[in-house]
Every structure is written in C-alpha cells, then in structure tokens.
Amino acid sequence: MKKFFTTAAVLLIVSQLAAFTAFDKGKWQADIVVPDKPGQAEEFAVKELKYHLTKATGVEINVVKESEKSTLPYHFFVGNTSAAKAAGIDKAKLAMDTRIVKTVSNGIIFIG
C-alpha cells in the first residue's frame, strides 16, 4: 500500500507542477514543510517524497518544520500542518487509509 501511495503521489505531483513552478533553472522554488513534531507516517512520507523529487531533478530539496518559516514561495505540505487545517482538512476526521492530496495557492498538501 505504501508503494502505491508513493507512486500515486509522485504522479500527482508531476501533474500538478503546472499550477506553480516548483523547480526552475536548476533550483528549487519549493520545499517540503512538515509539522514541528511529525509522526512516523509523516516522516516516512517525507523521506519518500524527498527521494523521488531529488531523483527526478538531481537537486536535493530542503525539508523544514513549520515553525522555521520557509522563505521559498511554494511548498509541499506533508501531514497535519497548519496549511492542511487552513484548507479545512481535519486529520482526526479522516477514515482509516484515507489520503488527501490538495493543491493550494502556494503548494500541494499531502495528508492521510
């Protein structure tokens, strides 16, 4: 199931990159944002996302905690972040094995 989610997420990212420029002229314009205290599933998801994005571009993407206040214009929000809450996603109300991938004005939210 994890492999399926990773593959689906990567395909969705590629399809959604047209919504914003995450990688331009050899530099990331986006980073991966995680909650200050990510859970085990969130840590695994970040590891997989970072691996695939780095493999696709040849440039390592940064991972920052929410409290670090990224200076980049776009973000891949992973887990129960304030961006997910602002988008109206309540992780506690998600059914078991539910995943949500949602585009927002400054990035993409992955939660589940």
PDB file of N, CA and C in Angstrom:
ATOM      1  N   MET A   1       0.823  -1.190   0.000  1.00  0.00           N
ATOM      2  CA  MET A   1       0.000   0.000   0.000  1.00  0.00           C
ATOM      3  C   MET A   1       0.872   1.260   0.000  1.00  0.00           C
ATOM      4  N   LYS A   2       1.974   1.218   0.770  1.00  0.00           N
ATOM      5  CA  LYS A   2       2.845   2.392   0.828  1.00  0.00           C
ATOM      6  C   LYS A   2       3.452   2.684  -0.536  1.00  0.00           C
ATOM      7  N   LYS A   3       3.847   1.628  -1.257  1.00  0.00           N
ATOM      8  CA  LYS A   3       4.442   1.814  -2.573  1.00  0.00           C
ATOM      9  C   LYS A   3       3.427   2.425  -3.536  1.00  0.00           C
ATOM     10  N   PHE A   4       2.179   1.962  -3.447  1.00  0.00           N
ATOM     11  CA  PHE A   4       1.127   2.518  -4.293  1.00  0.00           C
ATOM     12  C   PHE A   4       0.946   4.000  -3.998  1.00  0.00           C
ATOM     13  N   PHE A   5       0.891   4.363  -2.700  1.00  0.00           N
ATOM     14  CA  PHE A   5       0.709   5.765  -2.331  1.00  0.00           C
ATOM     15  C   PHE A   5       1.859   6.610  -2.842  1.00  0.00           C
ATOM     16  N   THR A   6       3.081   6.103  -2.710  1.00  0.00           N
ATOM     17  CA  THR A   6       4.247   6.849  -3.181  1.00  0.00           C
ATOM     18  C   THR A   6       4.169   7.071  -4.685  1.00  0.00           C
ATOM     19  N   THR A   7       3.864   6.037  -5.424  1.00  0.00           N
ATOM     20  CA  THR A   7       3.769   6.157  -6.876  1.00  0.00           C
ATOM     21  C   THR A   7       2.649   7.111  -7.271  1.00  0.00           C
ATOM     22  N   ALA A   8       1.500   6.974  -6.633  1.00  0.00           N
ATOM     23  CA  ALA A   8       0.365   7.853  -6.938  1.00  0.00           C
ATOM     24  C   ALA A   8       0.699   9.297  -6.600  1.00  0.00           C
ATOM     25  N   ALA A   9       1.362   9.505  -5.483  1.00  0.00           N
ATOM     26  CA  ALA A   9       1.718  10.860  -5.072  1.00  0.00           C
ATOM     27  C   ALA A   9       2.689  11.498  -6.060  1.00  0.00           C
ATOM     28  N   VAL A  10       3.683  10.753  -6.474  1.00  0.00           N
ATOM     29  CA  VAL A  10       4.656  11.290  -7.429  1.00  0.00           C
ATOM     30  C   VAL A  10       3.971  11.636  -8.743  1.00  0.00           C
ATOM     31  N   LEU A  11       3.086  10.768  -9.227  1.00  0.00           N
ATOM     32  CA  LEU A  11       2.357  11.062 -10.459  1.00  0.00           C
ATOM     33  C   LEU A  11       1.484  12.296 -10.304  1.00  0.00           C
ATOM     34  N   LEU A  12       0.855  12.432  -9.151  1.00  0.00           N
ATOM     35  CA  LEU A  12       0.013  13.607  -8.914  1.00  0.00           C
ATOM     36  C   LEU A  12       0.862  14.872  -8.845  1.00  0.00           C
ATOM     37  N   ILE A  13       2.007  14.795  -8.210  1.00  0.00           N
ATOM     38  CA  ILE A  13       2.897  15.953  -8.139  1.00  0.00           C
ATOM     39  C   ILE A  13       3.267  16.408  -9.540  1.00  0.00           C
ATOM     40  N   VAL A  14       3.675  15.469 -10.369  1.00  0.00           N
ATOM     41  CA  VAL A  14       4.063  15.814 -11.731  1.00  0.00           C
ATOM     42  C   VAL A  14       2.907  16.479 -12.461  1.00  0.00           C
ATOM     43  N   SER A  15       1.697  15.968 -12.282  1.00  0.00           N
ATOM     44  CA  SER A  15       0.543  16.555 -12.971  1.00  0.00           C
ATOM     45  C   SER A  15       0.181  17.920 -12.424  1.00  0.00           C
ATOM     46  N   GLN A  16       0.502  18.179 -11.162  1.00  0.00           N
ATOM     47  CA  GLN A  16       0.136  19.445 -10.538  1.00  0.00           C
ATOM     48  C   GLN A  16       1.225  20.508 -10.640  1.00  0.00           C
ATOM     49  N   LEU A  17       2.416  20.153 -11.059  1.00  0.00           N
ATOM     50  CA  LEU A  17       3.501  21.130 -11.113  1.00  0.00           C
ATOM     51  C   LEU A  17       3.201  22.273 -12.067  1.00  0.00           C
ATOM     52  N   ALA A  18       2.282  22.074 -12.996  1.00  0.00           N
ATOM     53  CA  ALA A  18       1.903  23.154 -13.903  1.00  0.00           C
ATOM     54  C   ALA A  18       1.217  24.284 -13.142  1.00  0.00           C
ATOM     55  N   ALA A  19       0.676  23.987 -11.964  1.00  0.00           N
ATOM     56  CA  ALA A  19      -0.018  25.001 -11.173  1.00  0.00           C
ATOM     57  C   ALA A  19       0.961  26.025 -10.585  1.00  0.00           C
ATOM     58  N   PHE A  20       2.205  25.634 -10.399  1.00  0.00           N
ATOM     59  CA  PHE A  20       3.230  26.546  -9.905  1.00  0.00           C
ATOM     60  C   PHE A  20       4.597  26.011 -10.309  1.00  0.00           C
ATOM     61  N   THR A  21       5.599  26.859 -10.280  1.00  0.00           N
ATOM     62  CA  THR A  21       6.939  26.458 -10.681  1.00  0.00           C
ATOM     63  C   THR A  21       7.722  26.047  -9.439  1.00  0.00           C
ATOM     64  N   ALA A  22       7.781  24.743  -9.186  1.00  0.00           N
ATOM     65  CA  ALA A  22       8.466  24.236  -8.008  1.00  0.00           C
ATOM     66  C   ALA A  22       9.966  24.137  -8.216  1.00  0.00           C
ATOM     67  N   PHE A  23      10.384  23.971  -9.469  1.00  0.00           N
ATOM     68  CA  PHE A  23      11.799  23.803  -9.786  1.00  0.00           C
ATOM     69  C   PHE A  23      12.084  24.623 -11.030  1.00  0.00           C
ATOM     70  N   ASP A  24      13.015  25.562 -10.927  1.00  0.00           N
ATOM     71  CA  ASP A  24      13.278  26.458 -12.047  1.00  0.00           C
ATOM     72  C   ASP A  24      14.771  26.727 -12.170  1.00  0.00           C
ATOM     73  N   LYS A  25      15.314  26.565 -13.361  1.00  0.00           N
ATOM     74  CA  LYS A  25      16.716  26.867 -13.656  1.00  0.00           C
ATOM     75  C   LYS A  25      17.677  26.178 -12.681  1.00  0.00           C
ATOM     76  N   GLY A  26      17.388  24.906 -12.397  1.00  0.00           N
ATOM     77  CA  GLY A  26      18.280  24.124 -11.539  1.00  0.00           C
ATOM     78  C   GLY A  26      18.152  24.383 -10.060  1.00  0.00           C
ATOM     79  N   LYS A  27      17.146  25.155  -9.646  1.00  0.00           N
ATOM     80  CA  LYS A  27      16.966  25.455  -8.224  1.00  0.00           C
ATOM     81  C   LYS A  27      15.522  25.197  -7.798  1.00  0.00           C
ATOM     82  N   TRP A  28      15.397  24.718  -6.574  1.00  0.00           N
ATOM     83  CA  TRP A  28      14.065  24.526  -6.020  1.00  0.00           C
ATOM     84  C   TRP A  28      13.448  25.863  -5.639  1.00  0.00           C
ATOM     85  N   GLN A  29      12.206  26.049  -6.033  1.00  0.00           N
ATOM     86  CA  GLN A  29      11.414  27.206  -5.625  1.00  0.00           C
ATOM     87  C   GLN A  29      10.407  26.758  -4.566  1.00  0.00           C
ATOM     88  N   ALA A  30      10.543  25.518  -4.146  1.00  0.00           N
ATOM     89  CA  ALA A  30       9.646  24.913  -3.159  1.00  0.00           C
ATOM     90  C   ALA A  30      10.462  24.086  -2.184  1.00  0.00           C
ATOM     91  N   ASP A  31       9.867  23.794  -1.051  1.00  0.00           N
ATOM     92  CA  ASP A  31      10.474  22.913  -0.072  1.00  0.00           C
ATOM     93  C   ASP A  31       9.388  22.004   0.488  1.00  0.00           C
ATOM     94  N   ILE A  32       9.787  21.078   1.327  1.00  0.00           N
ATOM     95  CA  ILE A  32       8.843  20.187   1.986  1.00  0.00           C
ATOM     96  C   ILE A  32       8.651  20.709   3.403  1.00  0.00           C
ATOM     97  N   VAL A  33       7.409  20.984   3.759  1.00  0.00           N
ATOM     98  CA  VAL A  33       7.093  21.516   5.092  1.00  0.00           C
ATOM     99  C   VAL A  33       6.380  20.434   5.901  1.00  0.00           C
ATOM    100  N   VAL A  34       6.881  20.202   7.105  1.00  0.00           N
ATOM    101  CA  VAL A  34       6.304  19.194   7.997  1.00  0.00           C
ATOM    102  C   VAL A  34       5.904  19.849   9.317  1.00  0.00           C
ATOM    103  N   PRO A  35       5.005  19.197  10.064  1.00  0.00           N
ATOM    104  CA  PRO A  35       4.684  19.718  11.395  1.00  0.00           C
ATOM    105  C   PRO A  35       5.939  19.729  12.269  1.00  0.00           C
ATOM    106  N   ASP A  36       5.931  20.519  13.317  1.00  0.00           N
ATOM    107  CA  ASP A  36       7.092  20.573  14.208  1.00  0.00           C
ATOM    108  C   ASP A  36       7.385  19.221  14.851  1.00  0.00           C
ATOM    109  N   LYS A  37       6.330  18.423  15.075  1.00  0.00           N
ATOM    110  CA  LYS A  37       6.507  17.087  15.640  1.00  0.00           C
ATOM    111  C   LYS A  37       5.829  16.075  14.712  1.00  0.00           C
ATOM    112  N   PRO A  38       6.494  15.741  13.595  1.00  0.00           N
ATOM    113  CA  PRO A  38       5.876  14.803  12.659  1.00  0.00           C
ATOM    114  C   PRO A  38       5.779  13.397  13.237  1.00  0.00           C
ATOM    115  N   GLY A  39       4.726  12.688  12.848  1.00  0.00           N
ATOM    116  CA  GLY A  39       4.559  11.302  13.258  1.00  0.00           C
ATOM    117  C   GLY A  39       5.372  10.387  12.364  1.00  0.00           C
ATOM    118  N   GLN A  40       5.345   9.110  12.678  1.00  0.00           N
ATOM    119  CA  GLN A  40       6.122   8.124  11.923  1.00  0.00           C
ATOM    120  C   GLN A  40       5.682   8.058  10.466  1.00  0.00           C
ATOM    121  N   ALA A  41       4.396   8.090  10.211  1.00  0.00           N
ATOM    122  CA  ALA A  41       3.893   8.034   8.839  1.00  0.00           C
ATOM    123  C   ALA A  41       4.311   9.277   8.065  1.00  0.00           C
ATOM    124  N   GLU A  42       4.273  10.434   8.717  1.00  0.00           N
ATOM    125  CA  GLU A  42       4.684  11.672   8.064  1.00  0.00           C
ATOM    126  C   GLU A  42       6.169  11.646   7.737  1.00  0.00           C
ATOM    127  N   GLU A  43       6.978  11.130   8.658  1.00  0.00           N
ATOM    128  CA  GLU A  43       8.415  11.032   8.404  1.00  0.00           C
ATOM    129  C   GLU A  43       8.706  10.114   7.219  1.00  0.00           C
ATOM    130  N   PHE A  44       7.972   9.001   7.134  1.00  0.00           N
ATOM    131  CA  PHE A  44       8.153   8.079   6.015  1.00  0.00           C
ATOM    132  C   PHE A  44       7.749   8.758   4.702  1.00  0.00           C
ATOM    133  N   ALA A  45       6.615   9.447   4.710  1.00  0.00           N
ATOM    134  CA  ALA A  45       6.128  10.125   3.504  1.00  0.00           C
ATOM    135  C   ALA A  45       7.127  11.182   3.034  1.00  0.00           C
ATOM    136  N   VAL A  46       7.704  11.930   3.967  1.00  0.00           N
ATOM    137  CA  VAL A  46       8.697  12.957   3.622  1.00  0.00           C
ATOM    138  C   VAL A  46       9.938  12.311   3.019  1.00  0.00           C
ATOM    139  N   LYS A  47      10.385  11.232   3.613  1.00  0.00           N
ATOM    140  CA  LYS A  47      11.567  10.532   3.100  1.00  0.00           C
ATOM    141  C   LYS A  47      11.334  10.086   1.656  1.00  0.00           C
ATOM    142  N   GLU A  48      10.178   9.500   1.376  1.00  0.00           N
ATOM    143  CA  GLU A  48       9.853   9.032   0.026  1.00  0.00           C
ATOM    144  C   GLU A  48       9.709  10.199  -0.949  1.00  0.00           C
ATOM    145  N   LEU A  49       9.005  11.239  -0.539  1.00  0.00           N
ATOM    146  CA  LEU A  49       8.811  12.402  -1.402  1.00  0.00           C
ATOM    147  C   LEU A  49      10.144  13.055  -1.734  1.00  0.00           C
ATOM    148  N   LYS A  50      10.974  13.248  -0.718  1.00  0.00           N
ATOM    149  CA  LYS A  50      12.289  13.859  -0.933  1.00  0.00           C
ATOM    150  C   LYS A  50      13.137  13.010  -1.874  1.00  0.00           C
ATOM    151  N   TYR A  51      13.119  11.704  -1.671  1.00  0.00           N
ATOM    152  CA  TYR A  51      13.899  10.798  -2.524  1.00  0.00           C
ATOM    153  C   TYR A  51      13.484  10.950  -3.991  1.00  0.00           C
ATOM    154  N   HIS A  52      12.182  10.890  -4.246  1.00  0.00           N
ATOM    155  CA  HIS A  52      11.707  10.922  -5.636  1.00  0.00           C
ATOM    156  C   HIS A  52      11.899  12.290  -6.287  1.00  0.00           C
ATOM    157  N   LEU A  53      11.688  13.358  -5.547  1.00  0.00           N
ATOM    158  CA  LEU A  53      11.892  14.693  -6.121  1.00  0.00           C
ATOM    159  C   LEU A  53      13.373  14.940  -6.413  1.00  0.00           C
ATOM    160  N   THR A  54      14.241  14.488  -5.532  1.00  0.00           N
ATOM    161  CA  THR A  54      15.681  14.639  -5.747  1.00  0.00           C
ATOM    162  C   THR A  54      16.137  13.778  -6.925  1.00  0.00           C
ATOM    163  N   LYS A  55      15.620  12.566  -7.014  1.00  0.00           N
ATOM    164  CA  LYS A  55      15.977  11.678  -8.117  1.00  0.00           C
ATOM    165  C   LYS A  55      15.500  12.256  -9.456  1.00  0.00           C
ATOM    166  N   ALA A  56      14.339  12.882  -9.458  1.00  0.00           N
ATOM    167  CA  ALA A  56      13.792  13.440 -10.698  1.00  0.00           C
ATOM    168  C   ALA A  56      14.539  14.679 -11.167  1.00  0.00           C
ATOM    169  N   THR A  57      15.080  15.466 -10.221  1.00  0.00           N
ATOM    170  CA  THR A  57      15.711  16.735 -10.589  1.00  0.00           C
ATOM    171  C   THR A  57      17.227  16.731 -10.471  1.00  0.00           C
ATOM    172  N   GLY A  58      17.770  15.825  -9.668  1.00  0.00           N
ATOM    173  CA  GLY A  58      19.204  15.821  -9.427  1.00  0.00           C
ATOM    174  C   GLY A  58      19.638  16.839  -8.382  1.00  0.00           C
ATOM    175  N   VAL A  59      18.669  17.532  -7.790  1.00  0.00           N
ATOM    176  CA  VAL A  59      18.960  18.544  -6.772  1.00  0.00           C
ATOM    177  C   VAL A  59      18.155  18.216  -5.521  1.00  0.00           C
ATOM    178  N   GLU A  60      18.828  18.184  -4.374  1.00  0.00           N
ATOM    179  CA  GLU A  60      18.153  17.836  -3.131  1.00  0.00           C
ATOM    180  C   GLU A  60      17.219  18.957  -2.681  1.00  0.00           C
ATOM    181  N   ILE A  61      16.014  18.577  -2.316  1.00  0.00           N
ATOM    182  CA  ILE A  61      15.025  19.530  -1.831  1.00  0.00           C
ATOM    183  C   ILE A  61      15.130  19.628  -0.309  1.00  0.00           C
ATOM    184  N   ASN A  62      14.937  20.810   0.241  1.00  0.00           N
ATOM    185  CA  ASN A  62      15.017  21.015   1.686  1.00  0.00           C
ATOM    186  C   ASN A  62      13.725  20.626   2.382  1.00  0.00           C
ATOM    187  N   VAL A  63      13.874  20.138   3.605  1.00  0.00           N
ATOM    188  CA  VAL A  63      12.740  19.839   4.470  1.00  0.00           C
ATOM    189  C   VAL A  63      12.811  20.812   5.634  1.00  0.00           C
ATOM    190  N   VAL A  64      11.704  21.501   5.898  1.00  0.00           N
ATOM    191  CA  VAL A  64      11.665  22.460   7.006  1.00  0.00           C
ATOM    192  C   VAL A  64      10.456  22.179   7.888  1.00  0.00           C
ATOM    193  N   LYS A  65      10.609  22.488   9.150  1.00  0.00           N
ATOM    194  CA  LYS A  65       9.479  22.390  10.073  1.00  0.00           C
ATOM    195  C   LYS A  65       8.669  23.676   9.978  1.00  0.00           C
ATOM    196  N   GLU A  66       7.391  23.577  10.274  1.00  0.00           N
ATOM    197  CA  GLU A  66       6.504  24.739  10.146  1.00  0.00           C
ATOM    198  C   GLU A  66       7.016  25.964  10.891  1.00  0.00           C
ATOM    199  N   SER A  67       7.545  25.773  12.065  1.00  0.00           N
ATOM    200  CA  SER A  67       7.993  26.912  12.872  1.00  0.00           C
ATOM    201  C   SER A  67       9.213  27.613  12.291  1.00  0.00           C
ATOM    202  N   GLU A  68       9.881  26.998  11.309  1.00  0.00           N
ATOM    203  CA  GLU A  68      11.068  27.603  10.709  1.00  0.00           C
ATOM    204  C   GLU A  68      10.742  28.679   9.682  1.00  0.00           C
ATOM    205  N   LYS A  69       9.509  28.798   9.267  1.00  0.00           N
ATOM    206  CA  LYS A  69       9.071  29.856   8.339  1.00  0.00           C
ATOM    207  C   LYS A  69       9.937  29.921   7.082  1.00  0.00           C
ATOM    208  N   SER A  70       9.667  29.051   6.166  1.00  0.00           N
ATOM    209  CA  SER A  70      10.392  28.985   4.900  1.00  0.00           C
ATOM    210  C   SER A  70      10.324  30.301   4.132  1.00  0.00           C
ATOM    211  N   THR A  71      11.380  30.608   3.403  1.00  0.00           N
ATOM    212  CA  THR A  71      11.418  31.823   2.582  1.00  0.00           C
ATOM    213  C   THR A  71      11.070  31.536   1.124  1.00  0.00           C
ATOM    214  N   LEU A  72      10.905  30.262   0.784  1.00  0.00           N
ATOM    215  CA  LEU A  72      10.567  29.907  -0.598  1.00  0.00           C
ATOM    216  C   LEU A  72       9.080  30.168  -0.859  1.00  0.00           C
ATOM    217  N   PRO A  73       8.729  30.442  -2.116  1.00  0.00           N
ATOM    218  CA  PRO A  73       7.337  30.790  -2.417  1.00  0.00           C
ATOM    219  C   PRO A  73       6.366  29.612  -2.434  1.00  0.00           C
ATOM    220  N   TYR A  74       6.856  28.383  -2.647  1.00  0.00           N
ATOM    221  CA  TYR A  74       5.977  27.226  -2.774  1.00  0.00           C
ATOM    222  C   TYR A  74       6.415  26.106  -1.845  1.00  0.00           C
ATOM    223  N   HIS A  75       5.448  25.235  -1.513  1.00  0.00           N
ATOM    224  CA  HIS A  75       5.715  24.190  -0.524  1.00  0.00           C
ATOM    225  C   HIS A  75       4.959  22.906  -0.844  1.00  0.00           C
ATOM    226  N   PHE A  76       5.563  21.794  -0.443  1.00  0.00           N
ATOM    227  CA  PHE A  76       4.889  20.513  -0.399  1.00  0.00           C
ATOM    228  C   PHE A  76       4.599  20.281   1.085  1.00  0.00           C
ATOM    229  N   PHE A  77       3.369  20.496   1.504  1.00  0.00           N
ATOM    230  CA  PHE A  77       2.979  20.335   2.906  1.00  0.00           C
ATOM    231  C   PHE A  77       2.666  18.867   3.148  1.00  0.00           C
ATOM    232  N   VAL A  78       3.354  18.253   4.105  1.00  0.00           N
ATOM    233  CA  VAL A  78       3.156  16.833   4.382  1.00  0.00           C
ATOM    234  C   VAL A  78       2.646  16.657   5.805  1.00  0.00           C
ATOM    235  N   GLY A  79       1.474  16.049   5.923  1.00  0.00           N
ATOM    236  CA  GLY A  79       0.929  15.743   7.236  1.00  0.00           C
ATOM    237  C   GLY A  79      -0.010  16.801   7.778  1.00  0.00           C
ATOM    238  N   ASN A  80      -0.195  16.734   9.061  1.00  0.00           N
ATOM    239  CA  ASN A  80      -1.162  17.571   9.762  1.00  0.00           C
ATOM    240  C   ASN A  80      -0.588  18.974  10.014  1.00  0.00           C
ATOM    241  N   THR A  81      -0.381  19.705   8.949  1.00  0.00           N
ATOM    242  CA  THR A  81       0.205  21.045   9.024  1.00  0.00           C
ATOM    243  C   THR A  81      -0.884  22.108   9.188  1.00  0.00           C
ATOM    244  N   SER A  82      -0.471  23.309   9.506  1.00  0.00           N
ATOM    245  CA  SER A  82      -1.445  24.404   9.606  1.00  0.00           C
ATOM    246  C   SER A  82      -2.047  24.707   8.230  1.00  0.00           C
ATOM    247  N   ALA A  83      -1.302  24.436   7.165  1.00  0.00           N
ATOM    248  CA  ALA A  83      -1.844  24.630   5.814  1.00  0.00           C
ATOM    249  C   ALA A  83      -3.013  23.675   5.570  1.00  0.00           C
ATOM    250  N   ALA A  84      -2.882  22.439   6.042  1.00  0.00           N
ATOM    251  CA  ALA A  84      -3.974  21.468   5.903  1.00  0.00           C
ATOM    252  C   ALA A  84      -5.189  21.938   6.695  1.00  0.00           C
ATOM    253  N   LYS A  85      -4.957  22.412   7.896  1.00  0.00           N
ATOM    254  CA  LYS A  85      -6.064  22.901   8.727  1.00  0.00           C
ATOM    255  C   LYS A  85      -6.724  24.114   8.088  1.00  0.00           C
ATOM    256  N   ALA A  86      -5.914  25.012   7.525  1.00  0.00           N
ATOM    257  CA  ALA A  86      -6.456  26.208   6.855  1.00  0.00           C
ATOM    258  C   ALA A  86      -7.280  25.832   5.623  1.00  0.00           C
ATOM    259  N   ALA A  87      -6.957  24.692   5.014  1.00  0.00           N
ATOM    260  CA  ALA A  87      -7.694  24.221   3.838  1.00  0.00           C
ATOM    261  C   ALA A  87      -8.947  23.441   4.243  1.00  0.00           C
ATOM    262  N   GLY A  88      -9.198  23.361   5.543  1.00  0.00           N
ATOM    263  CA  GLY A  88     -10.397  22.686   6.028  1.00  0.00           C
ATOM    264  C   GLY A  88     -10.256  21.188   6.183  1.00  0.00           C
ATOM    265  N   ILE A  89      -9.025  20.699   6.234  1.00  0.00           N
ATOM    266  CA  ILE A  89      -8.796  19.260   6.379  1.00  0.00           C
ATOM    267  C   ILE A  89      -8.505  18.948   7.842  1.00  0.00           C
ATOM    268  N   ASP A  90      -9.351  18.126   8.438  1.00  0.00           N
ATOM    269  CA  ASP A  90      -9.188  17.706   9.826  1.00  0.00           C
ATOM    270  C   ASP A  90      -8.736  16.250   9.823  1.00  0.00           C
ATOM    271  N   LYS A  91      -7.467  16.024  10.117  1.00  0.00           N
ATOM    272  CA  LYS A  91      -6.909  14.666  10.068  1.00  0.00           C
ATOM    273  C   LYS A  91      -7.667  13.712  10.981  1.00  0.00           C
ATOM    274  N   ALA A  92      -8.139  14.196  12.106  1.00  0.00           N
ATOM    275  CA  ALA A  92      -8.851  13.341  13.058  1.00  0.00           C
ATOM    276  C   ALA A  92     -10.157  12.798  12.474  1.00  0.00           C
ATOM    277  N   LYS A  93     -10.710  13.471  11.494  1.00  0.00           N
ATOM    278  CA  LYS A  93     -11.984  13.043  10.903  1.00  0.00           C
ATOM    279  C   LYS A  93     -11.809  12.164   9.664  1.00  0.00           C
ATOM    280  N   LEU A  94     -10.566  11.914   9.256  1.00  0.00           N
ATOM    281  CA  LEU A  94     -10.328  11.083   8.076  1.00  0.00           C
ATOM    282  C   LEU A  94     -10.526   9.613   8.415  1.00  0.00           C
ATOM    283  N   ALA A  95     -11.182   8.896   7.523  1.00  0.00           N
ATOM    284  CA  ALA A  95     -11.361   7.460   7.696  1.00  0.00           C
ATOM    285  C   ALA A  95     -10.017   6.755   7.548  1.00  0.00           C
ATOM    286  N   MET A  96      -9.936   5.561   8.103  1.00  0.00           N
ATOM    287  CA  MET A  96      -8.715   4.761   8.027  1.00  0.00           C
ATOM    288  C   MET A  96      -8.293   4.589   6.567  1.00  0.00           C
ATOM    289  N   ASP A  97      -7.011   4.695   6.288  1.00  0.00           N
ATOM    290  CA  ASP A  97      -6.423   4.548   4.957  1.00  0.00           C
ATOM    291  C   ASP A  97      -6.895   5.593   3.955  1.00  0.00           C
ATOM    292  N   THR A  98      -7.376   6.723   4.439  1.00  0.00           N
ATOM    293  CA  THR A  98      -7.774   7.820   3.562  1.00  0.00           C
ATOM    294  C   THR A  98      -6.578   8.724   3.327  1.00  0.00           C
ATOM    295  N   ARG A  99      -6.403   9.159   2.087  1.00  0.00           N
ATOM    296  CA  ARG A  99      -5.338  10.090   1.732  1.00  0.00           C
ATOM    297  C   ARG A  99      -5.966  11.257   1.001  1.00  0.00           C
ATOM    298  N   ILE A 100      -5.483  12.442   1.277  1.00  0.00           N
ATOM    299  CA  ILE A 100      -5.940  13.622   0.554  1.00  0.00           C
ATOM    300  C   ILE A 100      -4.726  14.319  -0.030  1.00  0.00           C
ATOM    301  N   VAL A 101      -4.813  14.667  -1.298  1.00  0.00           N
ATOM    302  CA  VAL A 101      -3.803  15.476  -1.966  1.00  0.00           C
ATOM    303  C   VAL A 101      -4.569  16.668  -2.522  1.00  0.00           C
ATOM    304  N   LYS A 102      -4.200  17.856  -2.068  1.00  0.00           N
ATOM    305  CA  LYS A 102      -4.957  19.058  -2.432  1.00  0.00           C
ATOM    306  C   LYS A 102      -3.999  20.168  -2.840  1.00  0.00           C
ATOM    307  N   THR A 103      -4.291  20.804  -3.960  1.00  0.00           N
ATOM    308  CA  THR A 103      -3.492  21.960  -4.351  1.00  0.00           C
ATOM    309  C   THR A 103      -4.045  23.197  -3.669  1.00  0.00           C
ATOM    310  N   VAL A 104      -3.146  24.062  -3.264  1.00  0.00           N
ATOM    311  CA  VAL A 104      -3.487  25.356  -2.686  1.00  0.00           C
ATOM    312  C   VAL A 104      -2.646  26.403  -3.412  1.00  0.00           C
ATOM    313  N   SER A 105      -2.910  27.661  -3.157  1.00  0.00           N
ATOM    314  CA  SER A 105      -2.241  28.717  -3.915  1.00  0.00           C
ATOM    315  C   SER A 105      -0.715  28.680  -3.806  1.00  0.00           C
ATOM    316  N   ASN A 106      -0.193  28.192  -2.689  1.00  0.00           N
ATOM    317  CA  ASN A 106       1.259  28.180  -2.519  1.00  0.00           C
ATOM    318  C   ASN A 106       1.846  26.780  -2.439  1.00  0.00           C
ATOM    319  N   GLY A 107       1.136  25.780  -2.984  1.00  0.00           N
ATOM    320  CA  GLY A 107       1.714  24.450  -2.983  1.00  0.00           C
ATOM    321  C   GLY A 107       0.717  23.327  -3.045  1.00  0.00           C
ATOM    322  N   ILE A 108       1.153  22.176  -2.523  1.00  0.00           N
ATOM    323  CA  ILE A 108       0.350  20.963  -2.514  1.00  0.00           C
ATOM    324  C   ILE A 108       0.367  20.386  -1.098  1.00  0.00           C
ATOM    325  N   ILE A 109      -0.823  19.968  -0.639  1.00  0.00           N
ATOM    326  CA  ILE A 109      -0.956  19.355   0.688  1.00  0.00           C
ATOM    327  C   ILE A 109      -1.108  17.852   0.521  1.00  0.00           C
ATOM    328  N   PHE A 110      -0.332  17.090   1.295  1.00  0.00           N
ATOM    329  CA  PHE A 110      -0.445  15.628   1.362  1.00  0.00           C
ATOM    330  C   PHE A 110      -0.782  15.269   2.803  1.00  0.00           C
ATOM    331  N   ILE A 111      -1.898  14.618   3.015  1.00  0.00           N
ATOM    332  CA  ILE A 111      -2.268  14.236   4.374  1.00  0.00           C
ATOM    333  C   ILE A 111      -3.047  12.929   4.337  1.00  0.00           C
ATOM    334  N   GLY A 112      -2.893  12.144   5.361  1.00  0.00           N
ATOM    335  CA  GLY A 112      -3.647  10.880   5.412  1.00  0.00           C
ATOM    336  C   GLY A 112      -3.111   9.950   6.434  1.00  0.00           C
TER     337      GLY A 112
END
